[in-house]
Protein backbone atom coordinates (compact mmCIF):
# COMPACT_ATOMS: atom_id res chain seq x y z
CA MET A 1 -55.19 -3.80 -0.99
CA ARG A 2 -51.71 -2.72 -2.11
CA PHE A 3 -50.11 -5.16 0.26
CA MET A 4 -52.28 -8.12 -0.92
CA ARG A 5 -51.62 -7.17 -4.58
CA GLN A 6 -47.79 -7.15 -3.99
CA ARG A 7 -47.98 -10.56 -2.30
CA ALA A 8 -50.04 -12.00 -5.21
CA ILE A 9 -47.63 -10.65 -7.87
CA ALA A 10 -44.67 -11.89 -5.86
CA SER A 11 -46.28 -15.36 -5.85
CA GLY A 12 -46.42 -15.30 -9.61
CA VAL A 13 -50.20 -14.36 -9.93
CA SER A 14 -51.20 -12.52 -13.07
CA ILE A 15 -53.60 -9.76 -12.32
CA LEU A 16 -56.00 -8.63 -15.02
CA ASP A 17 -57.04 -5.08 -14.20
CA HIS A 18 -60.14 -3.54 -15.92
CA HIS A 19 -60.90 -6.99 -17.51
CA PRO A 20 -64.51 -7.71 -16.53
CA ALA A 21 -65.50 -11.40 -16.30
CA LEU A 22 -68.63 -12.24 -18.25
CA GLU A 23 -69.15 -15.93 -17.77
CA LEU A 24 -67.96 -18.97 -15.92
CA LEU A 25 -66.51 -21.85 -17.91
CA TRP A 26 -67.51 -25.50 -17.63
CA ALA A 27 -65.35 -28.62 -18.13
CA ASP A 28 -66.30 -32.18 -17.18
CA GLY A 29 -69.25 -31.15 -15.12
CA ALA A 30 -67.48 -28.50 -13.04
CA ILE A 31 -66.62 -24.88 -13.24
CA ALA A 32 -63.11 -24.71 -14.66
CA GLY A 33 -62.41 -21.04 -15.29
CA ALA A 34 -63.83 -17.74 -16.44
CA ALA A 35 -63.91 -15.63 -19.55
CA GLY A 36 -64.47 -11.92 -20.28
CA ILE A 37 -63.43 -8.92 -22.22
CA HIS A 38 -61.01 -6.11 -22.17
CA PRO A 39 -63.35 -3.09 -22.78
CA ARG A 40 -60.69 -0.78 -24.31
CA THR A 41 -59.43 -3.14 -26.93
CA GLY A 42 -62.51 -5.47 -27.28
CA ASN A 43 -60.25 -8.47 -26.94
CA ARG A 44 -61.74 -11.52 -25.14
CA TRP A 45 -59.78 -13.30 -22.49
CA GLU A 46 -60.17 -16.74 -20.89
CA VAL A 47 -58.62 -18.28 -17.83
CA ARG A 48 -58.68 -22.04 -17.06
CA ALA A 49 -58.42 -23.00 -13.44
CA GLY A 50 -58.91 -25.99 -11.24
CA ALA A 51 -61.12 -23.85 -8.92
CA VAL A 52 -62.92 -20.51 -9.22
CA VAL A 53 -63.79 -18.28 -6.30
CA LEU A 54 -66.35 -15.70 -6.86
CA ALA A 55 -65.46 -12.55 -4.85
CA THR A 56 -67.70 -10.08 -6.70
CA GLY A 57 -69.55 -8.74 -3.64
CA GLY A 58 -73.28 -8.95 -3.28
CA CYS A 59 -76.14 -6.98 -4.81
CA ALA A 60 -76.37 -3.67 -3.07
CA PHE A 61 -76.83 -1.62 -6.24
CA LEU A 62 -77.84 1.93 -5.59
CA SER A 63 -78.14 1.15 -1.88
CA HIS A 64 -76.14 4.19 -0.99
CA ALA A 65 -74.14 2.16 1.51
CA LEU A 66 -70.46 3.16 1.29
CA GLY A 67 -68.76 1.45 -1.56
CA CYS A 68 -71.77 -0.61 -2.62
CA ASP A 69 -73.40 1.52 -5.37
CA GLY A 70 -71.61 -0.47 -8.05
CA ASN A 71 -72.38 -3.87 -6.56
CA THR A 72 -74.74 -5.08 -9.30
CA GLY A 73 -74.77 -8.77 -8.46
CA ASP A 74 -72.70 -9.81 -11.45
CA GLY A 75 -71.17 -12.73 -9.61
CA TYR A 76 -74.69 -14.08 -8.70
CA LEU A 77 -75.75 -13.71 -12.41
CA MET A 78 -72.65 -15.55 -13.76
CA ALA A 79 -73.23 -18.29 -11.21
CA ALA A 80 -76.97 -18.66 -12.03
CA GLU A 81 -76.24 -18.66 -15.75
CA ALA A 82 -73.76 -21.48 -15.14
CA GLY A 83 -76.38 -23.59 -13.44
CA VAL A 84 -75.46 -23.25 -9.85
CA ARG A 85 -77.87 -23.51 -6.92
CA LEU A 86 -77.79 -20.53 -4.51
CA SER A 87 -78.45 -21.00 -0.86
CA GLY A 88 -78.69 -18.65 2.06
CA MET A 89 -80.39 -16.05 -0.11
CA GLU A 90 -82.98 -15.49 2.62
CA PHE A 91 -80.32 -13.41 4.41
CA SER A 92 -79.87 -11.06 1.50
CA SER A 93 -82.30 -8.22 2.56
CA GLN A 94 -80.17 -6.86 5.22
CA TYR A 95 -79.79 -3.27 6.18
CA GLY A 96 -76.75 -1.87 7.78
CA LEU A 97 -76.94 0.55 10.74
CA SER A 98 -75.57 3.97 9.91
CA PRO A 99 -75.63 7.47 11.19
CA ALA A 100 -78.83 9.06 9.67
CA HIS A 101 -76.74 11.78 7.85
CA THR A 102 -74.51 9.36 5.99
CA SER A 103 -74.31 6.04 4.19
CA VAL A 104 -71.34 4.68 6.20
CA SER A 105 -72.65 1.35 7.42
CA LYS A 106 -69.63 -0.13 9.14
CA GLY A 107 -70.88 -1.76 12.32
CA LEU A 108 -67.68 -1.79 14.35
CA THR A 109 -68.07 1.85 15.57
CA PHE A 110 -71.51 0.96 17.10
CA THR A 111 -69.93 -1.60 19.53
CA PHE A 112 -68.78 1.50 21.39
CA ALA A 113 -72.38 3.11 21.36
CA SER A 114 -75.39 3.24 23.70
CA PHE A 115 -78.80 3.88 22.04
CA TYR A 116 -81.55 6.20 23.16
CA LEU A 117 -85.03 7.25 22.13
CA GLU A 118 -85.82 10.79 21.33
CA ASP A 119 -86.82 11.58 24.88
CA GLY A 120 -83.32 10.65 26.09
CA SER A 121 -84.48 7.29 27.65
CA PRO A 122 -82.48 4.15 26.78
CA LEU A 123 -83.57 1.94 23.88
CA PRO A 124 -85.87 -0.65 25.52
CA GLU A 125 -84.54 -4.03 26.19
CA THR A 126 -86.99 -6.63 24.69
CA GLY A 127 -84.73 -9.66 24.36
CA GLU A 128 -84.55 -9.11 20.58
CA ASP A 129 -81.41 -8.21 18.66
CA ARG A 130 -80.37 -4.60 18.87
CA ALA A 131 -80.91 -3.98 15.18
CA VAL A 132 -84.40 -5.36 15.40
CA ARG A 133 -85.28 -3.12 18.33
CA ILE A 134 -83.91 -0.03 16.46
CA ALA A 135 -85.82 -1.11 13.37
CA ARG A 136 -89.09 -1.39 15.24
CA GLN A 137 -88.71 2.09 16.62
CA LEU A 138 -87.87 3.56 13.28
CA ILE A 139 -90.75 1.83 11.58
CA ALA A 140 -93.03 3.31 14.24
CA GLY A 141 -91.84 6.64 13.31
CA GLU A 142 -89.73 7.22 16.26
CA LYS A 143 -86.04 8.45 16.15
CA VAL A 144 -83.28 6.51 17.59
CA TYR A 145 -79.98 8.15 18.72
CA ALA A 146 -76.55 6.62 19.33
CA LEU A 147 -73.84 8.04 21.63
CA MET A 148 -70.35 6.42 21.46
CA ASN A 149 -69.95 6.63 25.26
CA ARG A 150 -68.55 3.09 25.78
CA GLY A 151 -64.88 2.47 26.16
CA ASN A 152 -62.19 4.90 27.12
CA PRO A 153 -60.35 7.80 25.38
CA ILE A 154 -57.43 5.58 24.26
CA GLU A 155 -59.93 3.00 22.62
CA HIS A 156 -61.77 5.96 21.07
CA GLU A 157 -58.55 7.23 19.45
CA TRP A 158 -57.77 3.74 18.19
CA LEU A 159 -61.26 3.60 16.69
CA ARG A 160 -60.73 6.95 14.92
CA GLN A 161 -57.35 5.86 13.48
CA GLY A 162 -58.69 2.41 12.46
CA GLN A 163 -61.93 3.62 10.87
CA PRO A 164 -61.17 7.09 9.61
CA ASN A 165 -63.92 7.01 6.91
CA CYS A 166 -66.54 6.48 9.62
CA PHE A 167 -65.56 9.70 11.32
CA LEU A 168 -65.24 11.94 8.31
CA PRO A 169 -69.00 12.51 8.05
CA PHE A 170 -69.09 13.65 11.75
CA GLU A 171 -66.18 15.97 11.22
CA ARG A 172 -67.90 17.48 8.23
CA ILE A 173 -70.89 18.54 10.42
CA GLY A 174 -68.82 19.40 13.45
CA LEU A 175 -70.33 16.63 15.67
CA ASP A 176 -68.28 14.67 18.21
CA PRO A 177 -69.94 11.26 18.42
CA PHE A 178 -68.24 10.47 21.72
CA GLN A 179 -69.92 13.52 23.31
CA GLN A 180 -72.95 14.28 21.28
CA PRO A 181 -75.77 11.83 20.38
CA PHE A 182 -76.67 11.55 16.74
CA PRO A 183 -79.74 9.95 14.90
CA VAL A 184 -79.18 6.57 13.27
CA GLY A 185 -80.98 4.80 10.43
CA PHE A 186 -80.42 1.83 8.06
CA SER A 187 -78.61 1.75 4.72
CA ARG A 188 -79.32 -1.03 2.32
CA ASP A 189 -76.27 -3.16 2.73
CA THR A 190 -76.45 -6.61 1.17
CA CYS A 191 -72.82 -6.73 0.04
CA LYS A 192 -71.59 -7.95 3.47
CA MET A 193 -73.82 -10.92 3.69
CA GLY A 194 -72.25 -14.31 2.89
CA HIS A 195 -73.95 -16.65 0.49
CA VAL A 196 -73.09 -20.25 -0.22
CA VAL A 197 -72.79 -21.13 -3.87
CA LYS A 198 -73.25 -24.91 -4.76
CA PHE A 199 -72.54 -26.25 -8.20
CA CYS A 200 -75.01 -28.82 -9.27
């Protein structure tokens, strides 16, 4: 984030910190900017632009997925109020796989995992997506365990260094996910789903 911010400033971009956007602006039948307020001063601001990119995240409010509890869907609301048509919303009820004792739903770490049922047998292959198979087991009241036993020690160390927040919950409970299986569940995680916004 710091690197991207420095590059933006070096390119002449003005960054408005803590200036929430409240609405999109129209001009000649198209979205042509945004307006909002500075909460400390109460002063309103307005930015006119040739194009607007909504990068407000999704709507995973109170999902308990890492970093998503403040994702209140403000961007969707501004778009809808401006008269846009949303598509792809059928994908918005997604749940992110996470260790059962945490809300960290980053999926990269699970590419190094094998999955097992409570009796130690492998998660059955049914031809369905892995997440669907895990969900079916959990819905049936069965536990599913993951063990990060794929890859080699060098790759495991890269994973620890590249995704440190994923391993902090394991360290807190004294569990080595590369050696010890751990139960998994799903955190509500809609913020990572992409949606197409079309202006009418």
